Amino acid sequence: MNKFDITELPKQWLVALVALAFTFLLVVPGCAGEAADNGGNGENAAEQAAQVAEEEGPIEAGQAAEDIVVPVSITMPESAGAEPKTIEVTVPDGATVLQATEAAGWDVQVEDSDYGKFVTSINGIANGSEGEASGWVYTVNDETVMEACDVRQLAAGDSVQWSFYAG
C-alpha cells in the first residue's frame, strides 16, 4: 500500500490547492458572521449591541450619538498605479466599516450574502480582476475581522485598512 506524500503532487495541483485555500481566506473576512470574541459566551456583535441598548435605553429624540473620527486606508493593487491613501472620516459611534468606507468618498460596490454585505469592488478595482483569488480584505486596528463590513461596528480609536490581494 502506498503512502500519500504531498511533495509528490504535480506543481499545478499544489498551486491550485494554495489558491483554493487563499480564496477561502478572502471570502471569510468579507462574508463570515462568526461571533465576536467575548469570553466564549456565543453572542455576536449585533446581540451585544442589542443588549447594551436594552440596558442603557434607546437614544431619545434630540439626543444624538457621539461622532468619532476614523482613519480609513486603502491600498490599491500595483497595476492601478495609485499610492496608498488614508482619509479621516467622521461617523457616529457604532457606525459600520462599510459606512466609514463610503464616507471616505470611495466608490464601493457590494453584494448581499447570508452574513451581510461583501465588498466586490472599490474605485473600479473588482474582486477577481488580478487573478481568480484576488480581492478586497479589510482589517480593523491591524487585526483580521471575521465579520461582514456592514456588521462590524466601529468605536473611538478604531482604524480601518482595506487592501487588495492580487492572487
Protein backbone atom coordinates (compact mmCIF):
# COMPACT_ATOMS: atom_id res chain seq x y z
CA MET A 1 0.00 0.00 0.00
CA ASN A 2 1.41 3.40 -0.99
CA LYS A 3 1.60 6.24 1.50
CA PHE A 4 0.34 9.67 0.47
CA ASP A 5 3.17 12.18 0.10
CA ILE A 6 2.13 15.77 -0.73
CA THR A 7 5.59 16.53 -2.14
CA GLU A 8 4.90 14.10 -4.98
CA LEU A 9 1.88 16.07 -6.24
CA PRO A 10 2.43 17.92 -9.50
CA LYS A 11 3.25 21.60 -9.07
CA GLN A 12 -0.08 22.61 -10.71
CA TRP A 13 -2.03 20.71 -8.03
CA LEU A 14 -0.07 22.38 -5.24
CA VAL A 15 -0.68 25.81 -6.79
CA ALA A 16 -4.39 25.00 -7.15
CA LEU A 17 -4.62 23.87 -3.52
CA VAL A 18 -2.88 27.01 -2.28
CA ALA A 19 -5.15 29.20 -4.46
CA LEU A 20 -8.23 27.41 -3.13
CA ALA A 21 -7.09 27.86 0.46
CA PHE A 22 -6.38 31.55 -0.13
CA THR A 23 -9.74 32.06 -1.83
CA PHE A 24 -11.35 30.71 1.31
CA LEU A 25 -9.35 33.20 3.37
CA LEU A 26 -10.54 36.05 1.14
CA VAL A 27 -14.18 35.06 1.42
CA VAL A 28 -14.19 34.58 5.18
CA PRO A 29 -13.27 38.18 6.18
CA GLY A 30 -15.84 39.69 3.80
CA CYS A 31 -18.66 37.26 4.49
CA ALA A 32 -18.21 35.48 7.77
CA GLY A 33 -20.59 36.19 10.60
CA GLU A 34 -18.76 34.48 13.42
CA ALA A 35 -19.35 35.58 16.97
CA ALA A 36 -17.13 38.31 18.33
CA ASP A 37 -14.51 37.46 20.94
CA ASN A 38 -16.48 37.97 24.10
CA GLY A 39 -15.24 35.39 26.51
CA GLY A 40 -16.86 32.49 24.70
CA ASN A 41 -20.46 33.26 25.59
CA GLY A 42 -21.54 32.92 21.95
CA GLU A 43 -23.01 36.41 21.50
CA ASN A 44 -22.22 38.17 18.27
CA ALA A 45 -21.76 41.92 17.85
CA ALA A 46 -25.42 42.53 16.96
CA GLU A 47 -26.59 40.66 20.05
CA GLN A 48 -24.15 42.62 22.20
CA ALA A 49 -25.35 45.93 20.73
CA ALA A 50 -28.97 44.94 21.40
CA GLN A 51 -28.08 44.04 24.98
CA VAL A 52 -26.34 47.39 25.53
CA ALA A 53 -29.32 49.25 24.01
CA GLU A 54 -31.66 47.34 26.32
CA GLU A 55 -29.54 48.14 29.38
CA GLU A 56 -28.90 51.79 28.51
CA GLY A 57 -32.16 52.50 26.75
CA PRO A 58 -32.71 53.91 23.27
CA ILE A 59 -31.35 57.25 22.18
CA GLU A 60 -34.07 59.80 22.87
CA ALA A 61 -35.32 62.30 20.29
CA GLY A 62 -32.94 65.23 20.12
CA GLN A 63 -30.13 63.19 21.65
CA ALA A 64 -27.50 62.30 19.05
CA ALA A 65 -24.91 59.55 19.18
CA GLU A 66 -21.40 60.88 19.63
CA ASP A 67 -19.38 61.24 16.48
CA ILE A 68 -16.00 59.59 16.16
CA VAL A 69 -13.13 60.17 13.75
CA VAL A 70 -11.96 57.03 11.97
CA PRO A 71 -8.98 56.83 9.61
CA VAL A 72 -9.88 54.67 6.60
CA SER A 73 -6.93 53.49 4.50
CA ILE A 74 -6.91 51.86 1.10
CA THR A 75 -4.07 50.09 -0.67
CA MET A 76 -4.76 49.55 -4.36
CA PRO A 77 -3.06 46.83 -6.41
CA GLU A 78 0.21 47.77 -8.09
CA SER A 79 -1.46 47.65 -11.50
CA ALA A 80 -3.72 50.56 -10.50
CA GLY A 81 -0.66 52.80 -10.17
CA ALA A 82 -2.11 54.55 -7.10
CA GLU A 83 -0.37 55.21 -3.82
CA PRO A 84 -1.96 54.03 -0.56
CA LYS A 85 -4.32 56.66 0.80
CA THR A 86 -5.82 57.41 4.21
CA ILE A 87 -8.86 59.60 4.76
CA GLU A 88 -10.16 60.53 8.19
CA VAL A 89 -13.95 60.41 8.29
CA THR A 90 -16.41 61.48 10.95
CA VAL A 91 -19.14 58.94 11.62
CA PRO A 92 -21.48 58.20 14.53
CA ASP A 93 -20.08 55.96 17.25
CA GLY A 94 -21.16 52.45 16.30
CA ALA A 95 -21.08 53.10 12.55
CA THR A 96 -20.03 50.12 10.45
CA VAL A 97 -16.85 49.59 8.45
CA LEU A 98 -18.93 49.89 5.28
CA GLN A 99 -20.41 53.23 6.40
CA ALA A 100 -16.97 54.61 7.21
CA THR A 101 -15.58 53.39 3.88
CA GLU A 102 -18.43 55.00 1.96
CA ALA A 103 -17.97 58.22 3.99
CA ALA A 104 -14.40 58.34 2.66
CA GLY A 105 -15.94 59.01 -0.75
CA TRP A 106 -14.73 55.85 -2.45
CA ASP A 107 -16.92 54.05 -4.96
CA VAL A 108 -17.76 50.86 -3.07
CA GLN A 109 -19.73 48.05 -4.72
CA VAL A 110 -21.17 45.31 -2.51
CA GLU A 111 -23.20 42.12 -2.76
CA ASP A 112 -25.50 40.69 -0.14
CA SER A 113 -24.57 37.39 1.45
CA ASP A 114 -26.03 35.28 4.22
CA TYR A 115 -23.62 37.03 6.59
CA GLY A 116 -24.01 40.63 5.44
CA LYS A 117 -22.53 42.80 2.71
CA PHE A 118 -19.47 41.58 0.83
CA VAL A 119 -17.30 44.17 -0.98
CA THR A 120 -16.86 43.25 -4.63
CA SER A 121 -15.17 46.42 -5.92
CA ILE A 122 -13.59 49.63 -4.65
CA ASN A 123 -12.91 52.51 -7.03
CA GLY A 124 -13.44 50.24 -10.03
CA ILE A 125 -10.99 47.54 -8.91
CA ALA A 126 -13.08 44.38 -8.75
CA ASN A 127 -12.51 41.08 -7.00
CA GLY A 128 -11.02 38.62 -9.48
CA SER A 129 -9.52 41.36 -11.68
CA GLU A 130 -5.95 40.36 -10.79
CA GLY A 131 -6.49 36.60 -10.85
CA GLU A 132 -9.18 34.28 -9.56
CA ALA A 133 -8.10 34.58 -5.93
CA SER A 134 -7.71 38.37 -5.96
CA GLY A 135 -9.99 40.59 -3.94
CA TRP A 136 -10.60 43.08 -1.17
CA VAL A 137 -9.99 42.32 2.50
CA TYR A 138 -10.13 44.62 5.50
CA THR A 139 -8.70 44.85 8.99
CA VAL A 140 -9.63 46.99 11.96
CA ASN A 141 -6.72 48.19 14.07
CA ASP A 142 -4.45 45.89 12.02
CA GLU A 143 -6.41 42.81 13.13
CA THR A 144 -8.25 40.45 10.78
CA VAL A 145 -12.01 40.72 11.17
CA MET A 146 -14.30 37.73 10.73
CA GLU A 147 -17.48 39.76 10.13
CA ALA A 148 -19.08 41.34 7.10
CA CYS A 149 -18.20 45.01 6.63
CA ASP A 150 -21.79 46.12 7.28
CA VAL A 151 -21.85 44.19 10.56
CA ARG A 152 -18.51 45.21 12.15
CA GLN A 153 -19.15 48.33 14.23
CA LEU A 154 -16.52 50.96 14.99
CA ALA A 155 -15.68 52.82 18.18
CA ALA A 156 -13.41 55.71 19.07
CA GLY A 157 -9.77 54.85 18.38
CA ASP A 158 -10.52 52.35 15.62
CA SER A 159 -8.88 52.49 12.19
CA VAL A 160 -9.90 50.63 9.03
CA GLN A 161 -7.48 49.31 6.43
CA TRP A 162 -8.63 47.95 3.04
CA SER A 163 -6.10 46.02 0.95
CA PHE A 164 -6.37 44.35 -2.42
CA TYR A 165 -4.77 40.94 -2.56
CA ALA A 166 -3.63 40.03 -6.06
CA GLY A 167 -3.71 36.24 -6.23
